[in-house]
Structures are given as C-alpha cells and as structure tokens.
Amino acid sequence: MSSQDPTAQNSSADRPLFHAGSLHRQFAHEIVRRLVDRGFVAYYAGGCVRDALLSLTPKDFDVATDATPEQVREVFGADHTRAVGEAFGVVLVHGRLAKTKCQVEVATFRTDGSYSDGRRPDWVVYATAEQDAQRRDFTINGLFYDPIAQRVIDFVGGQSDLGNRLLRAIGDPYARINEDKLRMLRAIRFAARYSLELDPATRKAIEESASGIQRVSGERIGMELSKILEHPNRQWAWSELARCGLLEHIAPELLPVDQAELFLQLPMRI
C-alpha cells in the first residue's frame, strides 16, 4: 500500500468521525465550509483527529488549508482574525456561536526549513497537504479529516499505528528529534497518555540522542515533565525516561531514579 494513497488507508470513510458535538467543533466545521466554498482545501488537523479516532473528545480543533494567511484573513475579515504565527502560516479565527466565544487556529499547509534553534523552523514554504503531514512529529499527529466528505486523510500511516498501539516518528526519527529535541519527551508523554508502545526505531533514536535534551530550556522541559507526572500512567512514563537515558540528563541530582516513587506520589492537578 502506497503511503501516498490516503484513501486506501481510510477505514473511517463509511461513517462520520465527528458528530454534532461541541460548539467549537461546529465553529471549526463552519471555518472549513467557508474556505471550501471559496475554492480552498481545508481539513481538521492533528490532535483532534487522533483523539476522535480513539473515541476521545477533542479539547480543541485546528484547521489546515492551502489558503495563505492573507487569504484566510480575507475570507473571515480583519475583525475576526488575528495573526498568532503568520511567519509560520498560522492565523487565529475567532467569533461567536450561540453567544459562545470560539476560536480556531488555521494553518497553511507547509514544509519547514532548518531548525537552527532546535525549536522552530528558520523559514517555511507553503506546500501540499501531504508535504505538511510529512513535516510533523509523530504519525498519530499527522492525520487530517475532511468534515465535508467525512473521511480521514492519512499520508503517514497514523491510523494503522493507532490500531497497533504504536508511537512512531514520521520519516527519519533522528531528523525529527534533531529539529526539536523536546520531541523525545513528547514521545514518551504521548505514549503514556494513549497507552502506546514506542516504535523500536523511534526508541533507538531517542536513546542515541538523549544527551541532546540538555539543549532544551528548563522551562520547556519542566512543562513536559509536569504533564507526564500529572497523568495516571506517570509511573510507566518515568520508567521510560530512565530506560531511554533521558533522566540522567534532566537534573539527575534532583530526580534520581531511586527517588522516583516519591515524585510519583505527587497529587495530580485536575
């Protein structure tokens, strides 16, 4: 099966993935509809698709489109749009639905340039949906959904990996980690949150790149660790941090492995 044939991997084509749902889902659907009516391609993207495939309620919705930021702002108007990352093709569309404030990030399909700071691309080039999927971190986050045609768009095998309970980097795992070293922690957090196993190639890349986590700011590391420790699967995640060699590079004098149980008893923040 070719990875370039997304419909061949679409096991959800015969049923809608999203139902009426929340006002935010309806707001996102309206954004897609208006973009499509203007002749653009537009899909739900990333986490909301992943969560829906796992029968979880998405916390928010993101839209990806071939419309440029300028075209997005033209479609929805200056009063209902705000540039939050226009250099990276991201515009926030906001408004009200049933008197409720709603907002959705709309991002232009893109490919990324080099990551000299190990966090953000130095430049982006607008691209196709498939190229956009290929530049993302993990296959479970590289999925799109067309709410008009009611079908999943899968260029990276994310549906198969979800079905196999597997967390796998898109493409070369070393390249994905080199772009942003924090992805090593994110891999373990996602695996713990969704009860997935680390793909062997992805695990090997993390183990061999573990020392690079020291290039990430303490603030970003702290945020990821907080999310890991707040989840019920934190004990498994903590063991994975140690097993992959990350823990020894994250303030080992403060969080030694033999004291892990102490930290695992910290109350969860709801």
C-alpha atoms as a PDB file:
ATOM      1  CA  MET A   1       0.000   0.000   0.000  1.00  0.00           C
ATOM      2  CA  SER A   2       1.468   3.333  -1.003  1.00  0.00           C
ATOM      3  CA  SER A   3       1.772   5.975   1.718  1.00  0.00           C
ATOM      4  CA  GLN A   4       0.762   8.463  -0.955  1.00  0.00           C
ATOM      5  CA  ASP A   5      -2.711   6.922  -1.244  1.00  0.00           C
ATOM      6  CA  PRO A   6      -4.527   8.252   1.808  1.00  0.00           C
ATOM      7  CA  THR A   7      -7.939   6.927   0.812  1.00  0.00           C
ATOM      8  CA  ALA A   8      -6.542   3.387   0.732  1.00  0.00           C
ATOM      9  CA  GLN A   9      -5.775   3.707   4.429  1.00  0.00           C
ATOM     10  CA  ASN A  10      -9.115   5.263   5.255  1.00  0.00           C
ATOM     11  CA  SER A  11     -11.021   2.851   7.486  1.00  0.00           C
ATOM     12  CA  SER A  12     -13.468   5.578   8.548  1.00  0.00           C
ATOM     13  CA  ALA A  13     -14.802   6.582   5.147  1.00  0.00           C
ATOM     14  CA  ASP A  14     -18.165   4.878   5.687  1.00  0.00           C
ATOM     15  CA  ARG A  15     -19.054   6.752   8.870  1.00  0.00           C
ATOM     16  CA  PRO A  16     -18.669  10.303  10.146  1.00  0.00           C
ATOM     17  CA  LEU A  17     -15.840  10.617  12.627  1.00  0.00           C
ATOM     18  CA  PHE A  18     -17.304  13.731  14.241  1.00  0.00           C
ATOM     19  CA  HIS A  19     -20.952  14.194  15.111  1.00  0.00           C
ATOM     20  CA  ALA A  20     -22.740  17.415  16.050  1.00  0.00           C
ATOM     21  CA  GLY A  21     -20.513  17.739  19.084  1.00  0.00           C
ATOM     22  CA  SER A  22     -19.477  20.946  20.776  1.00  0.00           C
ATOM     23  CA  LEU A  23     -19.935  24.498  19.635  1.00  0.00           C
ATOM     24  CA  HIS A  24     -16.189  24.636  18.987  1.00  0.00           C
ATOM     25  CA  ARG A  25     -16.484  21.661  16.635  1.00  0.00           C
ATOM     26  CA  GLN A  26     -19.358  23.371  14.841  1.00  0.00           C
ATOM     27  CA  PHE A  27     -17.307  26.565  14.621  1.00  0.00           C
ATOM     28  CA  ALA A  28     -14.390  24.626  13.108  1.00  0.00           C
ATOM     29  CA  HIS A  29     -16.758  22.979  10.626  1.00  0.00           C
ATOM     30  CA  GLU A  30     -18.036  26.380   9.560  1.00  0.00           C
ATOM     31  CA  ILE A  31     -14.464  27.591   9.008  1.00  0.00           C
ATOM     32  CA  VAL A  32     -13.747  24.593   6.784  1.00  0.00           C
ATOM     33  CA  ARG A  33     -17.015  25.063   4.890  1.00  0.00           C
ATOM     34  CA  ARG A  34     -16.348  28.728   4.164  1.00  0.00           C
ATOM     35  CA  LEU A  35     -12.815  28.029   2.966  1.00  0.00           C
ATOM     36  CA  VAL A  36     -14.024  25.192   0.738  1.00  0.00           C
ATOM     37  CA  ASP A  37     -16.810  27.393  -0.639  1.00  0.00           C
ATOM     38  CA  ARG A  38     -14.120  29.875  -1.665  1.00  0.00           C
ATOM     39  CA  GLY A  39     -12.261  27.174  -3.580  1.00  0.00           C
ATOM     40  CA  PHE A  40      -9.629  26.196  -0.995  1.00  0.00           C
ATOM     41  CA  VAL A  41      -8.742  22.825   0.504  1.00  0.00           C
ATOM     42  CA  ALA A  42      -9.331  22.681   4.254  1.00  0.00           C
ATOM     43  CA  TYR A  43      -9.212  19.869   6.809  1.00  0.00           C
ATOM     44  CA  TYR A  44      -9.251  19.311  10.548  1.00  0.00           C
ATOM     45  CA  ALA A  45      -5.663  18.552  11.517  1.00  0.00           C
ATOM     46  CA  GLY A  46      -3.598  16.802  14.140  1.00  0.00           C
ATOM     47  CA  GLY A  47      -4.718  16.123  17.680  1.00  0.00           C
ATOM     48  CA  CYS A  48      -8.459  16.450  17.204  1.00  0.00           C
ATOM     49  CA  VAL A  49      -8.395  13.739  14.521  1.00  0.00           C
ATOM     50  CA  ARG A  50      -6.197  11.493  16.659  1.00  0.00           C
ATOM     51  CA  ASP A  51      -8.473  11.865  19.678  1.00  0.00           C
ATOM     52  CA  ALA A  52     -11.656  11.244  17.689  1.00  0.00           C
ATOM     53  CA  LEU A  53     -10.180   8.053  16.236  1.00  0.00           C
ATOM     54  CA  LEU A  54      -9.503   6.933  19.814  1.00  0.00           C
ATOM     55  CA  SER A  55     -13.133   7.765  20.747  1.00  0.00           C
ATOM     56  CA  LEU A  56     -11.943  10.625  22.940  1.00  0.00           C
ATOM     57  CA  THR A  57     -13.487  14.095  22.991  1.00  0.00           C
ATOM     58  CA  PRO A  58     -11.080  16.582  21.362  1.00  0.00           C
ATOM     59  CA  LYS A  59     -10.171  19.533  23.546  1.00  0.00           C
ATOM     60  CA  ASP A  60      -9.773  21.861  20.596  1.00  0.00           C
ATOM     61  CA  PHE A  61      -9.791  21.893  16.816  1.00  0.00           C
ATOM     62  CA  ASP A  62      -7.135  23.026  14.362  1.00  0.00           C
ATOM     63  CA  VAL A  63      -7.689  23.577  10.660  1.00  0.00           C
ATOM     64  CA  ALA A  64      -5.086  23.177   7.918  1.00  0.00           C
ATOM     65  CA  THR A  65      -5.600  24.658   4.472  1.00  0.00           C
ATOM     66  CA  ASP A  66      -3.927  25.582   1.220  1.00  0.00           C
ATOM     67  CA  ALA A  67      -5.129  29.173   1.698  1.00  0.00           C
ATOM     68  CA  THR A  68      -2.322  31.544   2.623  1.00  0.00           C
ATOM     69  CA  PRO A  69      -2.618  33.631   5.810  1.00  0.00           C
ATOM     70  CA  GLU A  70      -3.564  36.650   3.712  1.00  0.00           C
ATOM     71  CA  GLN A  71      -6.315  34.658   2.004  1.00  0.00           C
ATOM     72  CA  VAL A  72      -7.591  33.327   5.329  1.00  0.00           C
ATOM     73  CA  ARG A  73      -7.836  36.880   6.674  1.00  0.00           C
ATOM     74  CA  GLU A  74      -9.606  37.956   3.503  1.00  0.00           C
ATOM     75  CA  VAL A  75     -12.191  35.167   3.833  1.00  0.00           C
ATOM     76  CA  PHE A  76     -13.006  35.853   7.502  1.00  0.00           C
ATOM     77  CA  GLY A  77     -12.210  39.550   7.746  1.00  0.00           C
ATOM     78  CA  ALA A  78      -9.800  41.569   9.856  1.00  0.00           C
ATOM     79  CA  ASP A  79     -12.286  41.798  12.752  1.00  0.00           C
ATOM     80  CA  HIS A  80     -12.446  38.015  13.112  1.00  0.00           C
ATOM     81  CA  THR A  81      -8.805  37.093  12.556  1.00  0.00           C
ATOM     82  CA  ARG A  82      -5.558  37.619  14.392  1.00  0.00           C
ATOM     83  CA  ALA A  83      -2.037  36.738  13.310  1.00  0.00           C
ATOM     84  CA  VAL A  84      -0.561  34.495  16.014  1.00  0.00           C
ATOM     85  CA  GLY A  85       2.204  32.954  13.930  1.00  0.00           C
ATOM     86  CA  GLU A  86       1.827  34.461  10.499  1.00  0.00           C
ATOM     87  CA  ALA A  87       5.510  33.871   9.727  1.00  0.00           C
ATOM     88  CA  PHE A  88       4.706  30.160  10.062  1.00  0.00           C
ATOM     89  CA  GLY A  89       1.389  30.413   8.256  1.00  0.00           C
ATOM     90  CA  VAL A  90      -0.875  30.451  11.343  1.00  0.00           C
ATOM     91  CA  VAL A  91      -3.893  32.719  11.797  1.00  0.00           C
ATOM     92  CA  LEU A  92      -6.388  32.635  14.669  1.00  0.00           C
ATOM     93  CA  VAL A  93     -10.005  32.862  13.520  1.00  0.00           C
ATOM     94  CA  HIS A  94     -12.391  33.901  16.278  1.00  0.00           C
ATOM     95  CA  GLY A  95     -16.058  34.636  16.633  1.00  0.00           C
ATOM     96  CA  ARG A  96     -19.241  33.639  18.443  1.00  0.00           C
ATOM     97  CA  LEU A  97     -21.588  30.718  18.028  1.00  0.00           C
ATOM     98  CA  ALA A  98     -24.790  30.643  20.100  1.00  0.00           C
ATOM     99  CA  LYS A  99     -23.343  33.573  22.105  1.00  0.00           C
ATOM    100  CA  THR A 100     -20.267  31.500  22.969  1.00  0.00           C
ATOM    101  CA  LYS A 101     -16.782  32.749  22.116  1.00  0.00           C
ATOM    102  CA  CYS A 102     -14.978  30.329  19.817  1.00  0.00           C
ATOM    103  CA  GLN A 103     -11.581  30.348  18.159  1.00  0.00           C
ATOM    104  CA  VAL A 104      -9.661  28.030  15.885  1.00  0.00           C
ATOM    105  CA  GLU A 105      -6.076  28.132  14.628  1.00  0.00           C
ATOM    106  CA  VAL A 106      -5.952  27.975  10.843  1.00  0.00           C
ATOM    107  CA  ALA A 107      -2.555  26.991   9.435  1.00  0.00           C
ATOM    108  CA  THR A 108      -1.410  26.948   5.838  1.00  0.00           C
ATOM    109  CA  PHE A 109      -0.001  23.629   4.598  1.00  0.00           C
ATOM    110  CA  ARG A 110       3.780  24.000   4.733  1.00  0.00           C
ATOM    111  CA  THR A 111       7.192  22.395   4.775  1.00  0.00           C
ATOM    112  CA  ASP A 112       9.811  23.580   7.254  1.00  0.00           C
ATOM    113  CA  GLY A 113      13.339  24.817   6.706  1.00  0.00           C
ATOM    114  CA  SER A 114      16.245  24.138   9.066  1.00  0.00           C
ATOM    115  CA  TYR A 115      15.836  24.359  12.860  1.00  0.00           C
ATOM    116  CA  SER A 116      18.935  26.276  13.941  1.00  0.00           C
ATOM    117  CA  ASP A 117      17.490  26.950  17.418  1.00  0.00           C
ATOM    118  CA  GLY A 118      16.252  23.374  17.870  1.00  0.00           C
ATOM    119  CA  ARG A 119      12.702  24.600  18.369  1.00  0.00           C
ATOM    120  CA  ARG A 120      11.215  26.479  15.415  1.00  0.00           C
ATOM    121  CA  PRO A 121      11.962  26.373  11.688  1.00  0.00           C
ATOM    122  CA  ASP A 122      14.117  29.182  10.321  1.00  0.00           C
ATOM    123  CA  TRP A 123      11.720  29.510   7.403  1.00  0.00           C
ATOM    124  CA  VAL A 124       8.670  27.792   5.944  1.00  0.00           C
ATOM    125  CA  VAL A 125       7.480  27.135   2.409  1.00  0.00           C
ATOM    126  CA  TYR A 126       3.779  26.724   1.667  1.00  0.00           C
ATOM    127  CA  ALA A 127       3.103  23.255   0.351  1.00  0.00           C
ATOM    128  CA  THR A 128       0.572  20.460  -0.153  1.00  0.00           C
ATOM    129  CA  ALA A 129      -1.357  18.557   2.493  1.00  0.00           C
ATOM    130  CA  GLU A 130       0.893  15.532   2.047  1.00  0.00           C
ATOM    131  CA  GLN A 131       4.070  17.592   2.444  1.00  0.00           C
ATOM    132  CA  ASP A 132       2.559  19.210   5.537  1.00  0.00           C
ATOM    133  CA  ALA A 133       1.839  15.808   7.065  1.00  0.00           C
ATOM    134  CA  GLN A 134       5.394  14.635   6.393  1.00  0.00           C
ATOM    135  CA  ARG A 135       6.951  17.509   8.366  1.00  0.00           C
ATOM    136  CA  ARG A 136       5.009  16.731  11.578  1.00  0.00           C
ATOM    137  CA  ASP A 137       6.422  14.834  14.568  1.00  0.00           C
ATOM    138  CA  PHE A 138       4.570  11.517  15.030  1.00  0.00           C
ATOM    139  CA  THR A 139       2.252   9.576  12.766  1.00  0.00           C
ATOM    140  CA  ILE A 140      -0.637   9.807  15.228  1.00  0.00           C
ATOM    141  CA  ASN A 141      -0.368  13.609  14.953  1.00  0.00           C
ATOM    142  CA  GLY A 142      -0.052  13.671  11.170  1.00  0.00           C
ATOM    143  CA  LEU A 143      -3.686  12.893  10.348  1.00  0.00           C
ATOM    144  CA  PHE A 144      -6.256  15.094   8.608  1.00  0.00           C
ATOM    145  CA  TYR A 145     -10.027  14.835   8.427  1.00  0.00           C
ATOM    146  CA  ASP A 146     -12.276  16.233   5.720  1.00  0.00           C
ATOM    147  CA  PRO A 147     -15.541  17.100   7.523  1.00  0.00           C
ATOM    148  CA  ILE A 148     -17.313  17.817   4.233  1.00  0.00           C
ATOM    149  CA  ALA A 149     -16.559  14.425   2.639  1.00  0.00           C
ATOM    150  CA  GLN A 150     -16.400  12.807   6.104  1.00  0.00           C
ATOM    151  CA  ARG A 151     -13.154  10.942   5.541  1.00  0.00           C
ATOM    152  CA  VAL A 152      -9.769  10.613   7.178  1.00  0.00           C
ATOM    153  CA  ILE A 153      -6.769  11.749   5.133  1.00  0.00           C
ATOM    154  CA  ASP A 154      -3.767   9.654   6.157  1.00  0.00           C
ATOM    155  CA  PHE A 155      -0.442  10.129   4.363  1.00  0.00           C
ATOM    156  CA  VAL A 156       1.755   8.729   7.150  1.00  0.00           C
ATOM    157  CA  GLY A 157       0.133   5.523   8.418  1.00  0.00           C
ATOM    158  CA  GLY A 158      -1.202   7.118  11.585  1.00  0.00           C
ATOM    159  CA  GLN A 159      -4.420   5.102  11.628  1.00  0.00           C
ATOM    160  CA  SER A 160      -2.511   1.843  11.406  1.00  0.00           C
ATOM    161  CA  ASP A 161      -0.200   2.910  14.227  1.00  0.00           C
ATOM    162  CA  LEU A 162      -3.161   3.827  16.421  1.00  0.00           C
ATOM    163  CA  GLY A 163      -4.683   0.439  15.705  1.00  0.00           C
ATOM    164  CA  ASN A 164      -1.398  -1.248  16.603  1.00  0.00           C
ATOM    165  CA  ARG A 165      -0.962   0.977  19.700  1.00  0.00           C
ATOM    166  CA  LEU A 166       2.336   2.289  18.358  1.00  0.00           C
ATOM    167  CA  LEU A 167       4.043   5.685  18.742  1.00  0.00           C
ATOM    168  CA  ARG A 168       6.231   6.218  15.683  1.00  0.00           C
ATOM    169  CA  ALA A 169       8.090   9.245  14.336  1.00  0.00           C
ATOM    170  CA  ILE A 170       7.238  10.373  10.828  1.00  0.00           C
ATOM    171  CA  GLY A 171      10.057   9.592   8.419  1.00  0.00           C
ATOM    172  CA  ASP A 172      13.559   9.612   9.883  1.00  0.00           C
ATOM    173  CA  PRO A 173      13.249   9.709  13.702  1.00  0.00           C
ATOM    174  CA  TYR A 174      16.745  11.191  14.051  1.00  0.00           C
ATOM    175  CA  ALA A 175      15.728  14.083  11.773  1.00  0.00           C
ATOM    176  CA  ARG A 176      12.518  14.705  13.713  1.00  0.00           C
ATOM    177  CA  ILE A 177      14.445  14.776  17.004  1.00  0.00           C
ATOM    178  CA  ASN A 178      17.194  16.970  15.582  1.00  0.00           C
ATOM    179  CA  GLU A 179      14.562  19.524  14.571  1.00  0.00           C
ATOM    180  CA  ASP A 180      13.259  19.761  18.132  1.00  0.00           C
ATOM    181  CA  LYS A 181      14.921  17.815  20.952  1.00  0.00           C
ATOM    182  CA  LEU A 182      11.820  18.220  23.130  1.00  0.00           C
ATOM    183  CA  ARG A 183      10.128  15.662  20.894  1.00  0.00           C
ATOM    184  CA  MET A 184      11.950  12.977  22.876  1.00  0.00           C
ATOM    185  CA  LEU A 185       9.948  13.892  25.976  1.00  0.00           C
ATOM    186  CA  ARG A 186       6.800  14.386  23.937  1.00  0.00           C
ATOM    187  CA  ALA A 187       7.160  10.880  22.524  1.00  0.00           C
ATOM    188  CA  ILE A 188       7.076   9.389  25.997  1.00  0.00           C
ATOM    189  CA  ARG A 189       4.242  11.673  27.104  1.00  0.00           C
ATOM    190  CA  PHE A 190       2.070  10.719  24.125  1.00  0.00           C
ATOM    191  CA  ALA A 191       2.890   7.029  24.552  1.00  0.00           C
ATOM    192  CA  ALA A 192       1.887   7.203  28.215  1.00  0.00           C
ATOM    193  CA  ARG A 193      -1.238   9.241  27.616  1.00  0.00           C
ATOM    194  CA  TYR A 194      -2.584   6.942  24.894  1.00  0.00           C
ATOM    195  CA  SER A 195      -1.114   3.651  26.176  1.00  0.00           C
ATOM    196  CA  LEU A 196       1.144   3.181  23.154  1.00  0.00           C
ATOM    197  CA  GLU A 197       4.428   1.342  22.729  1.00  0.00           C
ATOM    198  CA  LEU A 198       7.434   3.189  21.349  1.00  0.00           C
ATOM    199  CA  ASP A 199       8.338   2.080  17.831  1.00  0.00           C
ATOM    200  CA  PRO A 200      11.784   0.370  18.004  1.00  0.00           C
ATOM    201  CA  ALA A 201      13.395   2.778  15.511  1.00  0.00           C
ATOM    202  CA  THR A 202      11.942   5.773  17.347  1.00  0.00           C
ATOM    203  CA  ARG A 203      13.124   4.394  20.701  1.00  0.00           C
ATOM    204  CA  LYS A 204      16.638   3.808  19.342  1.00  0.00           C
ATOM    205  CA  ALA A 205      16.806   7.381  18.035  1.00  0.00           C
ATOM    206  CA  ILE A 206      15.728   8.721  21.444  1.00  0.00           C
ATOM    207  CA  GLU A 207      18.296   6.593  23.270  1.00  0.00           C
ATOM    208  CA  GLU A 208      21.113   7.684  20.971  1.00  0.00           C
ATOM    209  CA  SER A 209      20.040  11.353  21.039  1.00  0.00           C
ATOM    210  CA  ALA A 210      19.199  11.587  24.749  1.00  0.00           C
ATOM    211  CA  SER A 211      22.082  13.894  25.677  1.00  0.00           C
ATOM    212  CA  GLY A 212      20.652  16.488  23.288  1.00  0.00           C
ATOM    213  CA  ILE A 213      17.800  17.165  25.721  1.00  0.00           C
ATOM    214  CA  GLN A 214      20.255  19.432  27.555  1.00  0.00           C
ATOM    215  CA  ARG A 215      19.908  21.916  24.672  1.00  0.00           C
ATOM    216  CA  VAL A 216      16.249  22.459  25.559  1.00  0.00           C
ATOM    217  CA  SER A 217      15.328  25.210  28.013  1.00  0.00           C
ATOM    218  CA  GLY A 218      14.472  24.232  31.568  1.00  0.00           C
ATOM    219  CA  GLU A 219      11.082  25.877  31.175  1.00  0.00           C
ATOM    220  CA  ARG A 220      10.079  23.668  28.237  1.00  0.00           C
ATOM    221  CA  ILE A 221      11.419  20.538  29.930  1.00  0.00           C
ATOM    222  CA  GLY A 222       9.562  21.427  33.125  1.00  0.00           C
ATOM    223  CA  MET A 223       6.270  21.833  31.271  1.00  0.00           C
ATOM    224  CA  GLU A 224       6.617  18.405  29.667  1.00  0.00           C
ATOM    225  CA  LEU A 225       7.590  16.747  32.937  1.00  0.00           C
ATOM    226  CA  SER A 226       4.604  18.333  34.675  1.00  0.00           C
ATOM    227  CA  LYS A 227       2.265  16.897  32.054  1.00  0.00           C
ATOM    228  CA  ILE A 228       3.918  13.480  32.397  1.00  0.00           C
ATOM    229  CA  LEU A 229       3.643  13.467  36.198  1.00  0.00           C
ATOM    230  CA  GLU A 230       0.012  14.584  36.142  1.00  0.00           C
ATOM    231  CA  HIS A 231      -1.112  11.553  34.108  1.00  0.00           C
ATOM    232  CA  PRO A 232      -2.187   8.226  35.680  1.00  0.00           C
ATOM    233  CA  ASN A 233       0.416   6.422  33.533  1.00  0.00           C
ATOM    234  CA  ARG A 234       3.222   8.504  35.009  1.00  0.00           C
ATOM    235  CA  GLN A 235       4.977   5.524  36.593  1.00  0.00           C
ATOM    236  CA  TRP A 236       5.371   3.844  33.211  1.00  0.00           C
ATOM    237  CA  ALA A 237       6.448   7.144  31.657  1.00  0.00           C
ATOM    238  CA  TRP A 238       9.023   7.747  34.394  1.00  0.00           C
ATOM    239  CA  SER A 239      10.492   4.295  33.797  1.00  0.00           C
ATOM    240  CA  GLU A 240      10.684   5.071  30.085  1.00  0.00           C
ATOM    241  CA  LEU A 241      12.531   8.316  30.771  1.00  0.00           C
ATOM    242  CA  ALA A 242      15.123   6.304  32.658  1.00  0.00           C
ATOM    243  CA  ARG A 243      15.201   3.426  30.158  1.00  0.00           C
ATOM    244  CA  CYS A 244      15.771   5.776  27.216  1.00  0.00           C
ATOM    245  CA  GLY A 245      18.597   7.583  29.029  1.00  0.00           C
ATOM    246  CA  LEU A 246      16.787  10.915  29.282  1.00  0.00           C
ATOM    247  CA  LEU A 247      16.505  11.052  33.047  1.00  0.00           C
ATOM    248  CA  GLU A 248      20.254  11.177  33.625  1.00  0.00           C
ATOM    249  CA  HIS A 249      20.391  14.369  31.543  1.00  0.00           C
ATOM    250  CA  ILE A 250      17.437  16.084  33.255  1.00  0.00           C
ATOM    251  CA  ALA A 251      18.794  17.352  36.610  1.00  0.00           C
ATOM    252  CA  PRO A 252      19.720  13.876  37.918  1.00  0.00           C
ATOM    253  CA  GLU A 253      20.717  15.349  41.279  1.00  0.00           C
ATOM    254  CA  LEU A 254      17.107  16.439  41.795  1.00  0.00           C
ATOM    255  CA  LEU A 255      15.279  13.486  40.278  1.00  0.00           C
ATOM    256  CA  PRO A 256      17.381  10.347  40.745  1.00  0.00           C
ATOM    257  CA  VAL A 257      15.765   7.092  39.666  1.00  0.00           C
ATOM    258  CA  ASP A 258      15.783   5.656  43.194  1.00  0.00           C
ATOM    259  CA  GLN A 259      13.589   8.544  44.384  1.00  0.00           C
ATOM    260  CA  ALA A 260      11.134   8.312  41.507  1.00  0.00           C
ATOM    261  CA  GLU A 261       8.435   6.743  43.697  1.00  0.00           C
ATOM    262  CA  LEU A 262       8.448   9.854  45.873  1.00  0.00           C
ATOM    263  CA  PHE A 263       7.592  12.054  42.916  1.00  0.00           C
ATOM    264  CA  LEU A 264       5.064   9.596  41.536  1.00  0.00           C
ATOM    265  CA  GLN A 265       3.021  10.123  44.693  1.00  0.00           C
ATOM    266  CA  LEU A 266       2.621  13.848  43.996  1.00  0.00           C
ATOM    267  CA  PRO A 267      -1.072  14.803  43.763  1.00  0.00           C
ATOM    268  CA  MET A 268      -2.456  15.157  40.260  1.00  0.00           C
ATOM    269  CA  ARG A 269      -3.590  18.587  39.156  1.00  0.00           C
ATOM    270  CA  ILE A 270      -7.024  18.491  37.581  1.00  0.00           C
END
